[in-house]
Amino acid sequence: MPISRYGVWRGTATKWEPTEQDNDHGHITFTDGQDSGLDCAVDVKSKDRDSRIVFWDMSSFDKDHPVAQKLAQLPPGYHAVADHTSQGLGLDYYRSQLVKPQQGRILPYNENGPDNDILDFLNPILNAAVEQEADMYLFGSKYDGHDGDGIHDIHMNQGDAGRFAKENGVYQDGGMIFNFKEGSGEMEGWQGVFLAFATQATQTDSKGNAVGPTFAQTLGTSSKA
């Protein structure tokens, strides 16, 4: 069955806290023009035995991509996505050809040295999104909390074989897509950040269930394929 309250939230990031609130997630504080205290939980490690995260930074994600064209027309705020087909707004890493599994980086949470853990890759783009006030599109599961509303599950939501297999589905993947304004800073144009867990599968069936090897098996122990 699909994850609950799947949708996309368009807003602007105002703060990025890599691990301040808990040690499994970083947190983006963002505004959508009406609420300025919204939260996005970003997975920086898994609770599985293999805690590593798979990361794709799609700096070549351009304005002519069908997903970008749909998002550019979307007004600020949260938009529920009930159409889990190629015609809807939902992301699907595989069916929308957003990523190639073998090009992912499999990364631990925090290691000494440069370019060898998930925070080394998340921090630059998320800090830039805050500084440059980029348009931000967050895909995942909306939640209502006593400290404010937010969104989580912004990772791949298919290919699980364990306790989360019941939430497998197609066109319901999470992700972060940014549109940096020209001349606003170091980054420009459309950028996509897509995440998965090392234990998820590199191939799925028509219902999003695992049918192939895991990222851990495919990418091995190196930080880049």
N, C-alpha and C. Protein backbone atom coordinates (compact mmCIF):
# COMPACT_ATOMS: atom_id res chain seq x y z
N MET A 1 0.85 -1.18 0.00
CA MET A 1 0.00 0.00 0.00
C MET A 1 0.90 1.24 0.00
N PRO A 2 0.41 2.35 -0.55
CA PRO A 2 1.28 3.53 -0.64
C PRO A 2 1.53 4.16 0.72
N ILE A 3 2.58 5.00 0.78
CA ILE A 3 2.82 5.74 2.02
C ILE A 3 1.68 6.73 2.22
N SER A 4 1.47 7.13 3.45
CA SER A 4 0.34 8.00 3.76
C SER A 4 0.60 9.45 3.37
N ARG A 5 -0.41 10.12 2.90
CA ARG A 5 -0.41 11.55 2.63
C ARG A 5 0.76 11.98 1.75
N TYR A 6 0.97 11.22 0.69
CA TYR A 6 2.06 11.53 -0.22
C TYR A 6 1.75 12.80 -1.00
N GLY A 7 2.77 13.62 -1.20
CA GLY A 7 2.59 14.83 -1.97
C GLY A 7 3.88 15.59 -2.14
N VAL A 8 3.75 16.79 -2.67
CA VAL A 8 4.90 17.67 -2.89
C VAL A 8 4.61 19.03 -2.26
N TRP A 9 5.61 19.58 -1.61
CA TRP A 9 5.47 20.85 -0.92
C TRP A 9 6.45 21.85 -1.54
N ARG A 10 5.93 22.92 -2.11
CA ARG A 10 6.79 23.96 -2.65
C ARG A 10 7.00 25.05 -1.61
N GLY A 11 8.24 25.39 -1.36
CA GLY A 11 8.55 26.43 -0.38
C GLY A 11 9.96 26.94 -0.55
N THR A 12 10.45 27.61 0.48
CA THR A 12 11.81 28.15 0.49
C THR A 12 12.47 27.80 1.81
N ALA A 13 13.66 27.23 1.74
CA ALA A 13 14.38 26.84 2.96
C ALA A 13 14.90 28.07 3.69
N THR A 14 14.75 28.07 5.01
CA THR A 14 15.27 29.18 5.82
C THR A 14 16.38 28.74 6.78
N LYS A 15 16.51 27.41 6.99
CA LYS A 15 17.55 26.91 7.89
C LYS A 15 17.81 25.44 7.60
N TRP A 16 19.07 25.04 7.72
CA TRP A 16 19.44 23.62 7.59
C TRP A 16 20.23 23.23 8.82
N GLU A 17 19.72 22.23 9.55
CA GLU A 17 20.39 21.70 10.74
C GLU A 17 20.76 20.25 10.45
N PRO A 18 22.03 19.96 10.22
CA PRO A 18 22.41 18.60 9.80
C PRO A 18 21.98 17.50 10.76
N THR A 19 22.17 17.66 12.07
CA THR A 19 21.83 16.59 13.02
C THR A 19 21.43 17.14 14.37
N GLU A 20 21.01 18.36 14.45
CA GLU A 20 20.82 18.99 15.76
C GLU A 20 19.67 18.38 16.56
N GLN A 21 18.59 17.98 15.89
CA GLN A 21 17.41 17.54 16.63
C GLN A 21 17.43 16.05 16.97
N ASP A 22 17.97 15.21 16.11
CA ASP A 22 18.14 13.79 16.41
C ASP A 22 19.24 13.26 15.51
N ASN A 23 19.70 12.07 15.76
CA ASN A 23 20.88 11.61 15.02
C ASN A 23 20.56 10.73 13.83
N ASP A 24 19.29 10.58 13.47
CA ASP A 24 18.93 9.84 12.26
C ASP A 24 18.54 10.78 11.13
N HIS A 25 18.24 12.02 11.46
CA HIS A 25 17.76 12.98 10.47
C HIS A 25 18.43 14.33 10.64
N GLY A 26 18.62 15.01 9.52
CA GLY A 26 18.83 16.44 9.54
C GLY A 26 17.47 17.10 9.34
N HIS A 27 17.40 18.40 9.55
CA HIS A 27 16.11 19.08 9.44
C HIS A 27 16.23 20.39 8.67
N ILE A 28 15.34 20.55 7.69
CA ILE A 28 15.21 21.80 6.96
C ILE A 28 14.01 22.54 7.52
N THR A 29 14.21 23.76 7.97
CA THR A 29 13.09 24.64 8.29
C THR A 29 12.77 25.42 7.03
N PHE A 30 11.48 25.48 6.67
CA PHE A 30 11.12 26.17 5.44
C PHE A 30 9.79 26.90 5.57
N THR A 31 9.55 27.79 4.64
CA THR A 31 8.31 28.55 4.57
C THR A 31 7.66 28.33 3.22
N ASP A 32 6.32 28.37 3.19
CA ASP A 32 5.62 28.28 1.91
C ASP A 32 4.84 29.56 1.62
N GLY A 33 5.20 30.63 2.35
CA GLY A 33 4.54 31.91 2.15
C GLY A 33 3.40 32.15 3.11
N GLN A 34 2.88 31.08 3.72
CA GLN A 34 1.82 31.21 4.71
C GLN A 34 2.29 30.77 6.08
N ASP A 35 3.04 29.69 6.14
CA ASP A 35 3.58 29.17 7.40
C ASP A 35 5.10 29.19 7.31
N SER A 36 5.74 29.80 8.29
CA SER A 36 7.21 29.93 8.24
C SER A 36 7.92 28.93 9.14
N GLY A 37 7.18 28.07 9.84
CA GLY A 37 7.80 27.12 10.77
C GLY A 37 7.68 25.68 10.34
N LEU A 38 7.67 25.44 9.05
CA LEU A 38 7.51 24.08 8.54
C LEU A 38 8.82 23.31 8.64
N ASP A 39 8.71 21.98 8.75
CA ASP A 39 9.89 21.13 8.95
C ASP A 39 9.96 20.03 7.91
N CYS A 40 11.16 19.77 7.42
CA CYS A 40 11.41 18.63 6.55
C CYS A 40 12.49 17.78 7.18
N ALA A 41 12.19 16.52 7.48
CA ALA A 41 13.16 15.60 8.06
C ALA A 41 13.91 14.88 6.95
N VAL A 42 15.24 15.02 6.96
CA VAL A 42 16.10 14.44 5.92
C VAL A 42 16.89 13.29 6.52
N ASP A 43 16.68 12.09 6.02
CA ASP A 43 17.40 10.92 6.55
C ASP A 43 18.89 11.04 6.26
N VAL A 44 19.70 10.91 7.31
CA VAL A 44 21.15 10.92 7.15
C VAL A 44 21.76 9.57 7.51
N LYS A 45 20.96 8.68 8.09
CA LYS A 45 21.37 7.29 8.26
C LYS A 45 20.14 6.44 8.54
N SER A 46 20.28 5.16 8.26
CA SER A 46 19.17 4.22 8.44
C SER A 46 19.25 3.57 9.82
N LYS A 47 18.11 3.08 10.27
CA LYS A 47 18.07 2.32 11.52
C LYS A 47 18.32 0.83 11.28
N ASP A 48 18.48 0.43 10.02
CA ASP A 48 18.81 -0.95 9.72
C ASP A 48 20.26 -1.25 10.11
N ARG A 49 20.61 -2.54 10.05
CA ARG A 49 21.98 -2.95 10.39
C ARG A 49 22.98 -2.23 9.50
N ASP A 50 22.67 -2.10 8.22
CA ASP A 50 23.48 -1.29 7.31
C ASP A 50 22.86 0.11 7.31
N SER A 51 23.52 1.04 7.95
CA SER A 51 22.94 2.37 8.16
C SER A 51 23.23 3.36 7.04
N ARG A 52 23.90 2.91 5.98
CA ARG A 52 24.35 3.83 4.95
C ARG A 52 23.21 4.33 4.05
N ILE A 53 23.45 5.51 3.49
CA ILE A 53 22.50 6.17 2.61
C ILE A 53 23.08 6.19 1.19
N VAL A 54 22.21 5.98 0.20
CA VAL A 54 22.60 6.13 -1.20
C VAL A 54 22.18 7.53 -1.65
N PHE A 55 23.10 8.22 -2.32
CA PHE A 55 22.92 9.63 -2.67
C PHE A 55 23.15 9.85 -4.16
N TRP A 56 22.23 10.59 -4.78
CA TRP A 56 22.42 11.06 -6.15
C TRP A 56 22.24 12.57 -6.15
N ASP A 57 23.21 13.28 -6.69
CA ASP A 57 23.12 14.72 -6.87
C ASP A 57 22.99 14.97 -8.37
N MET A 58 21.78 15.32 -8.80
CA MET A 58 21.52 15.44 -10.22
C MET A 58 21.68 16.90 -10.66
N SER A 59 22.93 17.33 -10.74
CA SER A 59 23.19 18.71 -11.14
C SER A 59 22.83 18.95 -12.60
N SER A 60 22.66 17.87 -13.36
CA SER A 60 22.30 18.00 -14.77
C SER A 60 20.78 17.97 -14.98
N PHE A 61 20.04 17.97 -13.90
CA PHE A 61 18.58 17.95 -13.96
C PHE A 61 18.13 19.30 -14.54
N ASP A 62 17.67 19.33 -15.80
CA ASP A 62 17.47 20.62 -16.46
C ASP A 62 16.00 20.99 -16.55
N LYS A 63 15.78 22.24 -16.98
CA LYS A 63 14.44 22.81 -17.01
C LYS A 63 13.52 22.13 -18.02
N ASP A 64 14.09 21.38 -18.96
CA ASP A 64 13.28 20.69 -19.96
C ASP A 64 12.82 19.31 -19.52
N HIS A 65 13.30 18.85 -18.36
CA HIS A 65 12.84 17.56 -17.85
C HIS A 65 11.34 17.66 -17.56
N PRO A 66 10.53 16.65 -17.90
CA PRO A 66 9.09 16.72 -17.67
C PRO A 66 8.71 17.03 -16.23
N VAL A 67 9.48 16.52 -15.25
CA VAL A 67 9.18 16.82 -13.86
C VAL A 67 9.38 18.30 -13.57
N ALA A 68 10.48 18.88 -14.06
CA ALA A 68 10.75 20.30 -13.85
C ALA A 68 9.66 21.16 -14.48
N GLN A 69 9.19 20.78 -15.64
CA GLN A 69 8.16 21.56 -16.30
C GLN A 69 6.86 21.56 -15.51
N LYS A 70 6.52 20.43 -14.90
CA LYS A 70 5.32 20.36 -14.07
C LYS A 70 5.48 21.21 -12.80
N LEU A 71 6.66 21.11 -12.18
CA LEU A 71 6.88 21.81 -10.92
C LEU A 71 6.90 23.32 -11.10
N ALA A 72 7.41 23.79 -12.21
CA ALA A 72 7.50 25.23 -12.44
C ALA A 72 6.13 25.89 -12.42
N GLN A 73 5.08 25.14 -12.73
CA GLN A 73 3.72 25.68 -12.75
C GLN A 73 3.00 25.55 -11.40
N LEU A 74 3.66 24.94 -10.43
CA LEU A 74 3.01 24.62 -9.16
C LEU A 74 3.07 25.82 -8.21
N PRO A 75 1.95 26.25 -7.66
CA PRO A 75 1.99 27.35 -6.69
C PRO A 75 2.58 26.90 -5.36
N PRO A 76 3.05 27.83 -4.51
CA PRO A 76 3.58 27.46 -3.19
C PRO A 76 2.55 26.72 -2.35
N GLY A 77 3.05 25.89 -1.44
CA GLY A 77 2.17 25.14 -0.54
C GLY A 77 2.26 23.65 -0.78
N TYR A 78 1.48 22.91 0.01
CA TYR A 78 1.46 21.45 -0.08
C TYR A 78 0.41 21.00 -1.09
N HIS A 79 0.77 20.02 -1.91
CA HIS A 79 -0.13 19.49 -2.92
C HIS A 79 -0.16 17.96 -2.80
N ALA A 80 -1.30 17.42 -2.43
CA ALA A 80 -1.44 15.97 -2.34
C ALA A 80 -1.34 15.35 -3.73
N VAL A 81 -0.73 14.16 -3.80
CA VAL A 81 -0.59 13.43 -5.06
C VAL A 81 -1.28 12.08 -4.90
N ALA A 82 -2.41 11.93 -5.58
CA ALA A 82 -3.16 10.68 -5.52
C ALA A 82 -2.97 9.83 -6.77
N ASP A 83 -2.48 10.43 -7.84
CA ASP A 83 -2.29 9.74 -9.11
C ASP A 83 -0.89 9.14 -9.13
N HIS A 84 -0.81 7.83 -8.90
CA HIS A 84 0.48 7.14 -8.87
C HIS A 84 0.78 6.51 -10.23
N THR A 85 0.74 7.36 -11.25
CA THR A 85 1.08 6.95 -12.61
C THR A 85 2.02 7.99 -13.20
N SER A 86 2.47 7.73 -14.41
CA SER A 86 3.38 8.67 -15.08
C SER A 86 2.70 9.99 -15.41
N GLN A 87 1.38 10.03 -15.36
CA GLN A 87 0.66 11.26 -15.67
C GLN A 87 0.56 12.20 -14.47
N GLY A 88 0.82 11.68 -13.28
CA GLY A 88 0.69 12.50 -12.07
C GLY A 88 1.98 13.24 -11.73
N LEU A 89 1.97 13.86 -10.54
CA LEU A 89 3.12 14.63 -10.07
C LEU A 89 4.13 13.78 -9.30
N GLY A 90 3.78 12.54 -8.99
CA GLY A 90 4.63 11.72 -8.15
C GLY A 90 5.96 11.37 -8.80
N LEU A 91 6.99 11.26 -7.98
CA LEU A 91 8.31 10.85 -8.46
C LEU A 91 8.43 9.33 -8.45
N ASP A 92 9.15 8.82 -9.43
CA ASP A 92 9.54 7.42 -9.43
C ASP A 92 10.97 7.37 -9.95
N TYR A 93 11.90 7.00 -9.08
CA TYR A 93 13.32 7.04 -9.45
C TYR A 93 13.60 6.24 -10.72
N TYR A 94 12.96 5.08 -10.84
CA TYR A 94 13.26 4.18 -11.94
C TYR A 94 12.39 4.47 -13.17
N ARG A 95 11.09 4.56 -12.98
CA ARG A 95 10.17 4.71 -14.10
C ARG A 95 10.22 6.09 -14.73
N SER A 96 10.62 7.11 -13.95
CA SER A 96 10.79 8.45 -14.51
C SER A 96 12.23 8.69 -14.97
N GLN A 97 13.06 7.65 -14.85
CA GLN A 97 14.47 7.73 -15.26
C GLN A 97 15.18 8.91 -14.58
N LEU A 98 14.93 9.03 -13.29
CA LEU A 98 15.56 10.09 -12.51
C LEU A 98 16.98 9.73 -12.11
N VAL A 99 17.21 8.44 -11.83
CA VAL A 99 18.54 8.00 -11.40
C VAL A 99 18.94 6.72 -12.11
N LYS A 100 20.24 6.47 -12.13
CA LYS A 100 20.77 5.17 -12.53
C LYS A 100 21.38 4.56 -11.27
N PRO A 101 20.88 3.40 -10.84
CA PRO A 101 21.34 2.82 -9.58
C PRO A 101 22.85 2.73 -9.46
N GLN A 102 23.53 2.36 -10.53
CA GLN A 102 24.98 2.16 -10.46
C GLN A 102 25.75 3.46 -10.31
N GLN A 103 25.08 4.61 -10.48
CA GLN A 103 25.76 5.90 -10.35
C GLN A 103 25.57 6.53 -8.97
N GLY A 104 24.89 5.83 -8.09
CA GLY A 104 24.71 6.36 -6.74
C GLY A 104 25.98 6.26 -5.90
N ARG A 105 26.08 7.09 -4.92
CA ARG A 105 27.16 7.01 -3.93
C ARG A 105 26.57 6.39 -2.66
N ILE A 106 27.20 5.37 -2.14
CA ILE A 106 26.74 4.75 -0.90
C ILE A 106 27.63 5.27 0.23
N LEU A 107 27.00 5.96 1.18
CA LEU A 107 27.76 6.79 2.12
C LEU A 107 27.37 6.54 3.57
N PRO A 108 28.36 6.52 4.47
CA PRO A 108 28.07 6.47 5.90
C PRO A 108 27.59 7.84 6.38
N TYR A 109 27.22 7.89 7.64
CA TYR A 109 26.67 9.12 8.21
C TYR A 109 27.72 10.19 8.44
N ASN A 110 28.83 9.86 9.07
CA ASN A 110 29.80 10.89 9.45
C ASN A 110 31.19 10.27 9.56
N GLU A 111 32.08 10.69 8.68
CA GLU A 111 33.44 10.18 8.67
C GLU A 111 34.42 11.36 8.62
N ASN A 112 35.60 11.17 9.18
CA ASN A 112 36.64 12.19 9.07
C ASN A 112 37.11 12.29 7.63
N GLY A 113 37.40 13.51 7.20
CA GLY A 113 37.90 13.71 5.85
C GLY A 113 36.81 14.24 4.91
N PRO A 114 37.23 14.72 3.73
CA PRO A 114 36.28 15.32 2.78
C PRO A 114 35.62 14.29 1.87
N ASP A 115 34.40 14.60 1.44
CA ASP A 115 33.70 13.86 0.39
C ASP A 115 33.62 12.36 0.65
N ASN A 116 33.34 11.99 1.91
CA ASN A 116 33.25 10.56 2.21
C ASN A 116 32.09 10.21 3.12
N ASP A 117 31.17 11.16 3.38
CA ASP A 117 29.97 10.84 4.14
C ASP A 117 28.80 11.66 3.61
N ILE A 118 27.60 11.31 4.03
CA ILE A 118 26.39 11.91 3.48
C ILE A 118 26.33 13.41 3.74
N LEU A 119 26.80 13.86 4.91
CA LEU A 119 26.75 15.28 5.21
C LEU A 119 27.68 16.10 4.32
N ASP A 120 28.78 15.50 3.89
CA ASP A 120 29.69 16.20 2.97
C ASP A 120 29.00 16.57 1.67
N PHE A 121 27.98 15.80 1.29
CA PHE A 121 27.29 16.06 0.03
C PHE A 121 25.98 16.83 0.23
N LEU A 122 25.31 16.62 1.35
CA LEU A 122 24.07 17.35 1.61
C LEU A 122 24.32 18.81 2.01
N ASN A 123 25.33 19.03 2.84
CA ASN A 123 25.55 20.38 3.38
C ASN A 123 25.72 21.45 2.31
N PRO A 124 26.55 21.26 1.28
CA PRO A 124 26.74 22.34 0.31
C PRO A 124 25.46 22.76 -0.40
N ILE A 125 24.67 21.79 -0.86
CA ILE A 125 23.48 22.17 -1.63
C ILE A 125 22.38 22.72 -0.72
N LEU A 126 22.24 22.18 0.50
CA LEU A 126 21.19 22.68 1.38
C LEU A 126 21.55 24.04 1.96
N ASN A 127 22.82 24.25 2.26
CA ASN A 127 23.24 25.58 2.71
C ASN A 127 23.06 26.60 1.59
N ALA A 128 23.37 26.21 0.36
CA ALA A 128 23.17 27.11 -0.77
C ALA A 128 21.70 27.42 -0.99
N ALA A 129 20.83 26.42 -0.79
CA ALA A 129 19.39 26.65 -0.94
C ALA A 129 18.89 27.70 0.04
N VAL A 130 19.43 27.67 1.27
CA VAL A 130 19.06 28.67 2.27
C VAL A 130 19.60 30.05 1.88
N GLU A 131 20.87 30.09 1.56
CA GLU A 131 21.53 31.38 1.26
C GLU A 131 20.97 32.04 0.01
N GLN A 132 20.64 31.25 -1.00
CA GLN A 132 20.19 31.79 -2.27
C GLN A 132 18.66 31.84 -2.40
N GLU A 133 17.96 31.40 -1.36
CA GLU A 133 16.50 31.41 -1.35
C GLU A 133 15.93 30.73 -2.60
N ALA A 134 16.44 29.56 -2.87
CA ALA A 134 16.00 28.80 -4.05
C ALA A 134 14.58 28.30 -3.86
N ASP A 135 13.86 28.18 -4.97
CA ASP A 135 12.58 27.48 -4.92
C ASP A 135 12.88 26.01 -4.60
N MET A 136 12.11 25.45 -3.68
CA MET A 136 12.37 24.09 -3.21
C MET A 136 11.09 23.27 -3.30
N TYR A 137 11.21 22.06 -3.82
CA TYR A 137 10.08 21.14 -3.98
C TYR A 137 10.42 19.87 -3.22
N LEU A 138 9.67 19.60 -2.17
CA LEU A 138 9.92 18.46 -1.29
C LEU A 138 8.84 17.40 -1.53
N PHE A 139 9.28 16.20 -1.89
CA PHE A 139 8.36 15.08 -2.12
C PHE A 139 8.45 14.12 -0.95
N GLY A 140 7.31 13.73 -0.40
CA GLY A 140 7.30 12.78 0.70
C GLY A 140 5.93 12.70 1.35
N SER A 141 5.92 12.37 2.63
CA SER A 141 4.69 12.15 3.38
C SER A 141 4.45 13.31 4.35
N LYS A 142 3.33 13.97 4.21
CA LYS A 142 2.98 15.10 5.07
C LYS A 142 2.59 14.61 6.46
N TYR A 143 3.01 15.33 7.48
CA TYR A 143 2.58 15.00 8.83
C TYR A 143 2.18 16.27 9.58
N ASP A 144 1.31 16.08 10.56
CA ASP A 144 0.90 17.17 11.45
C ASP A 144 1.50 16.89 12.82
N GLY A 145 2.23 17.83 13.37
CA GLY A 145 2.88 17.63 14.66
C GLY A 145 2.51 18.72 15.65
N HIS A 146 2.72 18.44 16.93
CA HIS A 146 2.38 19.42 17.95
C HIS A 146 3.31 20.63 17.90
N ASP A 147 4.48 20.45 17.29
CA ASP A 147 5.41 21.57 17.13
C ASP A 147 5.30 22.22 15.75
N GLY A 148 4.36 21.75 14.95
CA GLY A 148 4.19 22.29 13.61
C GLY A 148 4.09 21.20 12.57
N ASP A 149 3.69 21.58 11.38
CA ASP A 149 3.51 20.62 10.29
C ASP A 149 4.82 20.41 9.54
N GLY A 150 4.88 19.33 8.80
CA GLY A 150 6.09 19.07 8.05
C GLY A 150 5.94 17.91 7.09
N ILE A 151 7.09 17.46 6.58
CA ILE A 151 7.12 16.38 5.60
C ILE A 151 8.34 15.49 5.87
N HIS A 152 8.15 14.20 5.71
CA HIS A 152 9.24 13.25 5.87
C HIS A 152 9.12 12.18 4.78
N ASP A 153 9.86 11.07 4.91
CA ASP A 153 9.90 10.04 3.87
C ASP A 153 10.33 10.64 2.53
N ILE A 154 11.33 11.53 2.55
CA ILE A 154 11.76 12.18 1.31
C ILE A 154 12.86 11.37 0.61
N HIS A 155 12.84 10.06 0.83
CA HIS A 155 13.75 9.12 0.20
C HIS A 155 12.98 8.21 -0.74
N MET A 156 13.65 7.29 -1.39
CA MET A 156 12.98 6.31 -2.24
C MET A 156 12.01 5.48 -1.41
N ASN A 157 10.80 5.31 -1.90
CA ASN A 157 9.76 4.58 -1.17
C ASN A 157 9.29 3.34 -1.93
N GLN A 158 10.26 2.60 -2.42
CA GLN A 158 10.01 1.31 -3.07
C GLN A 158 11.27 0.47 -2.88
N GLY A 159 11.15 -0.82 -3.15
CA GLY A 159 12.32 -1.69 -3.09
C GLY A 159 12.70 -2.15 -1.70
N ASP A 160 11.83 -1.96 -0.71
CA ASP A 160 12.11 -2.47 0.64
C ASP A 160 11.69 -3.93 0.73
N ALA A 161 12.48 -4.71 1.47
CA ALA A 161 12.15 -6.12 1.67
C ALA A 161 11.90 -6.45 3.14
N GLY A 162 12.10 -5.50 4.03
CA GLY A 162 11.94 -5.72 5.46
C GLY A 162 10.64 -5.17 6.00
N ARG A 163 10.73 -4.56 7.16
CA ARG A 163 9.51 -4.10 7.84
C ARG A 163 8.80 -2.98 7.12
N PHE A 164 9.48 -2.30 6.19
CA PHE A 164 8.84 -1.21 5.47
C PHE A 164 8.32 -1.65 4.10
N ALA A 165 8.38 -2.94 3.81
CA ALA A 165 7.93 -3.44 2.51
C ALA A 165 6.45 -3.15 2.27
N LYS A 166 5.68 -3.06 3.35
CA LYS A 166 4.24 -2.78 3.20
C LYS A 166 3.98 -1.40 2.63
N GLU A 167 4.98 -0.52 2.65
CA GLU A 167 4.80 0.83 2.13
C GLU A 167 5.37 0.98 0.72
N ASN A 168 5.82 -0.11 0.12
CA ASN A 168 6.32 -0.04 -1.26
C ASN A 168 5.23 0.43 -2.21
N GLY A 169 5.63 1.15 -3.22
CA GLY A 169 4.69 1.60 -4.24
C GLY A 169 5.44 2.30 -5.36
N VAL A 170 4.73 2.59 -6.44
CA VAL A 170 5.34 3.29 -7.57
C VAL A 170 4.83 4.73 -7.62
N TYR A 171 5.64 5.59 -8.21
CA TYR A 171 5.33 7.02 -8.33
C TYR A 171 4.95 7.63 -6.98
N GLN A 172 5.74 7.26 -5.96
CA GLN A 172 5.55 7.83 -4.63
C GLN A 172 6.90 8.01 -3.94
N ASP A 173 7.96 8.14 -4.72
CA ASP A 173 9.28 8.34 -4.12
C ASP A 173 9.43 9.75 -3.59
N GLY A 174 10.25 9.87 -2.56
CA GLY A 174 10.56 11.17 -2.02
C GLY A 174 11.75 11.79 -2.74
N GLY A 175 12.02 13.03 -2.44
CA GLY A 175 13.16 13.71 -3.04
C GLY A 175 13.12 15.19 -2.78
N MET A 176 14.21 15.85 -3.11
CA MET A 176 14.33 17.30 -2.98
C MET A 176 14.78 17.86 -4.32
N ILE A 177 14.00 18.78 -4.87
CA ILE A 177 14.35 19.42 -6.14
C ILE A 177 14.40 20.92 -5.91
N PHE A 178 15.44 21.55 -6.42
CA PHE A 178 15.65 22.98 -6.22
C PHE A 178 15.75 23.69 -7.56
N ASN A 179 15.27 24.93 -7.58
CA ASN A 179 15.45 25.79 -8.74
C ASN A 179 16.16 27.05 -8.26
N PHE A 180 17.47 27.12 -8.54
CA PHE A 180 18.27 28.26 -8.12
C PHE A 180 18.16 29.38 -9.15
N LYS A 181 17.84 30.56 -8.69
CA LYS A 181 17.68 31.71 -9.59
C LYS A 181 19.02 32.09 -10.19
N GLU A 182 19.01 32.46 -11.45
CA GLU A 182 20.23 32.87 -12.14
C GLU A 182 20.83 34.10 -11.48
N GLY A 183 22.12 34.05 -11.19
CA GLY A 183 22.81 35.18 -10.61
C GLY A 183 22.65 35.34 -9.11
N SER A 184 21.99 34.35 -8.45
CA SER A 184 21.76 34.48 -7.01
C SER A 184 22.91 33.96 -6.17
N GLY A 185 23.84 33.25 -6.80
CA GLY A 185 24.94 32.69 -6.03
C GLY A 185 25.69 31.65 -6.84
N GLU A 186 26.41 30.79 -6.13
CA GLU A 186 27.27 29.81 -6.78
C GLU A 186 26.49 28.80 -7.60
N MET A 187 25.33 28.36 -7.10
CA MET A 187 24.52 27.37 -7.82
C MET A 187 23.46 28.05 -8.66
N GLU A 188 23.17 27.46 -9.82
CA GLU A 188 22.16 27.99 -10.71
C GLU A 188 21.35 26.85 -11.31
N GLY A 189 20.12 27.15 -11.67
CA GLY A 189 19.28 26.20 -12.39
C GLY A 189 18.70 25.12 -11.49
N TRP A 190 18.19 24.08 -12.14
CA TRP A 190 17.51 22.99 -11.45
C TRP A 190 18.51 21.97 -10.93
N GLN A 191 18.31 21.56 -9.68
CA GLN A 191 19.16 20.55 -9.05
C GLN A 191 18.26 19.56 -8.32
N GLY A 192 18.54 18.29 -8.48
CA GLY A 192 17.77 17.27 -7.78
C GLY A 192 18.65 16.50 -6.81
N VAL A 193 18.13 16.26 -5.62
CA VAL A 193 18.82 15.44 -4.62
C VAL A 193 17.91 14.26 -4.29
N PHE A 194 18.39 13.05 -4.56
CA PHE A 194 17.60 11.85 -4.37
C PHE A 194 18.34 10.90 -3.45
N LEU A 195 17.61 10.29 -2.52
CA LEU A 195 18.19 9.45 -1.48
C LEU A 195 17.52 8.09 -1.43
N ALA A 196 18.28 7.08 -1.04
CA ALA A 196 17.74 5.74 -0.79
C ALA A 196 18.53 5.12 0.35
N PHE A 197 18.09 3.96 0.80
CA PHE A 197 18.81 3.22 1.83
C PHE A 197 19.61 2.09 1.19
N ALA A 198 20.75 1.77 1.78
CA ALA A 198 21.62 0.73 1.23
C ALA A 198 20.91 -0.61 1.12
N THR A 199 19.89 -0.84 1.95
CA THR A 199 19.19 -2.13 1.97
C THR A 199 18.06 -2.21 0.95
N GLN A 200 17.75 -1.12 0.26
CA GLN A 200 16.69 -1.14 -0.74
C GLN A 200 17.20 -1.74 -2.06
N ALA A 201 16.26 -2.18 -2.90
CA ALA A 201 16.62 -2.91 -4.12
C ALA A 201 16.86 -1.98 -5.30
N THR A 202 17.74 -2.40 -6.17
CA THR A 202 18.06 -1.64 -7.38
C THR A 202 17.07 -1.91 -8.51
N GLN A 203 16.16 -2.86 -8.31
CA GLN A 203 15.11 -3.16 -9.28
C GLN A 203 13.83 -3.46 -8.53
N THR A 204 12.68 -3.03 -9.09
CA THR A 204 11.39 -3.31 -8.45
C THR A 204 10.37 -3.75 -9.50
N ASP A 205 9.31 -4.40 -9.01
CA ASP A 205 8.25 -4.84 -9.91
C ASP A 205 7.20 -3.75 -10.08
N SER A 206 6.10 -4.08 -10.71
CA SER A 206 5.07 -3.08 -11.04
C SER A 206 4.38 -2.51 -9.81
N LYS A 207 4.58 -3.14 -8.66
CA LYS A 207 4.01 -2.64 -7.41
C LYS A 207 5.06 -2.01 -6.51
N GLY A 208 6.29 -1.91 -7.00
CA GLY A 208 7.35 -1.31 -6.21
C GLY A 208 8.06 -2.26 -5.27
N ASN A 209 7.77 -3.56 -5.38
CA ASN A 209 8.41 -4.53 -4.51
C ASN A 209 9.79 -4.92 -5.04
N ALA A 210 10.66 -5.29 -4.12
CA ALA A 210 12.04 -5.62 -4.47
C ALA A 210 12.12 -6.89 -5.32
N VAL A 211 12.84 -6.82 -6.45
CA VAL A 211 13.07 -8.00 -7.27
C VAL A 211 14.54 -8.11 -7.68
N GLY A 212 15.36 -7.16 -7.29
CA GLY A 212 16.76 -7.19 -7.67
C GLY A 212 17.66 -7.10 -6.46
N PRO A 213 18.98 -7.03 -6.69
CA PRO A 213 19.94 -6.92 -5.59
C PRO A 213 19.81 -5.58 -4.88
N THR A 214 20.33 -5.50 -3.69
CA THR A 214 20.30 -4.25 -2.94
C THR A 214 21.40 -3.31 -3.43
N PHE A 215 21.30 -2.06 -3.01
CA PHE A 215 22.37 -1.11 -3.32
C PHE A 215 23.68 -1.54 -2.67
N ALA A 216 23.59 -2.10 -1.47
CA ALA A 216 24.80 -2.56 -0.79
C ALA A 216 25.50 -3.64 -1.61
N GLN A 217 24.71 -4.54 -2.20
CA GLN A 217 25.29 -5.59 -3.02
C GLN A 217 25.83 -5.05 -4.35
N THR A 218 25.15 -4.07 -4.90
CA THR A 218 25.53 -3.53 -6.21
C THR A 218 26.71 -2.57 -6.13
N LEU A 219 26.68 -1.69 -5.13
CA LEU A 219 27.70 -0.66 -5.02
C LEU A 219 28.86 -1.06 -4.12
N GLY A 220 28.68 -2.12 -3.34
CA GLY A 220 29.74 -2.62 -2.48
C GLY A 220 30.07 -1.66 -1.35
N THR A 221 31.34 -1.61 -1.00
CA THR A 221 31.74 -0.80 0.15
C THR A 221 32.32 0.54 -0.24
N SER A 222 32.48 0.79 -1.54
CA SER A 222 33.06 2.06 -1.96
C SER A 222 32.05 3.18 -1.87
N SER A 223 32.54 4.41 -1.77
CA SER A 223 31.66 5.58 -1.64
C SER A 223 31.08 6.00 -2.97
N LYS A 224 31.63 5.48 -4.07
CA LYS A 224 31.10 5.80 -5.38
C LYS A 224 31.28 4.61 -6.29
N ALA A 225 30.24 4.37 -7.11
CA ALA A 225 30.31 3.22 -8.02
C ALA A 225 31.34 3.47 -9.12
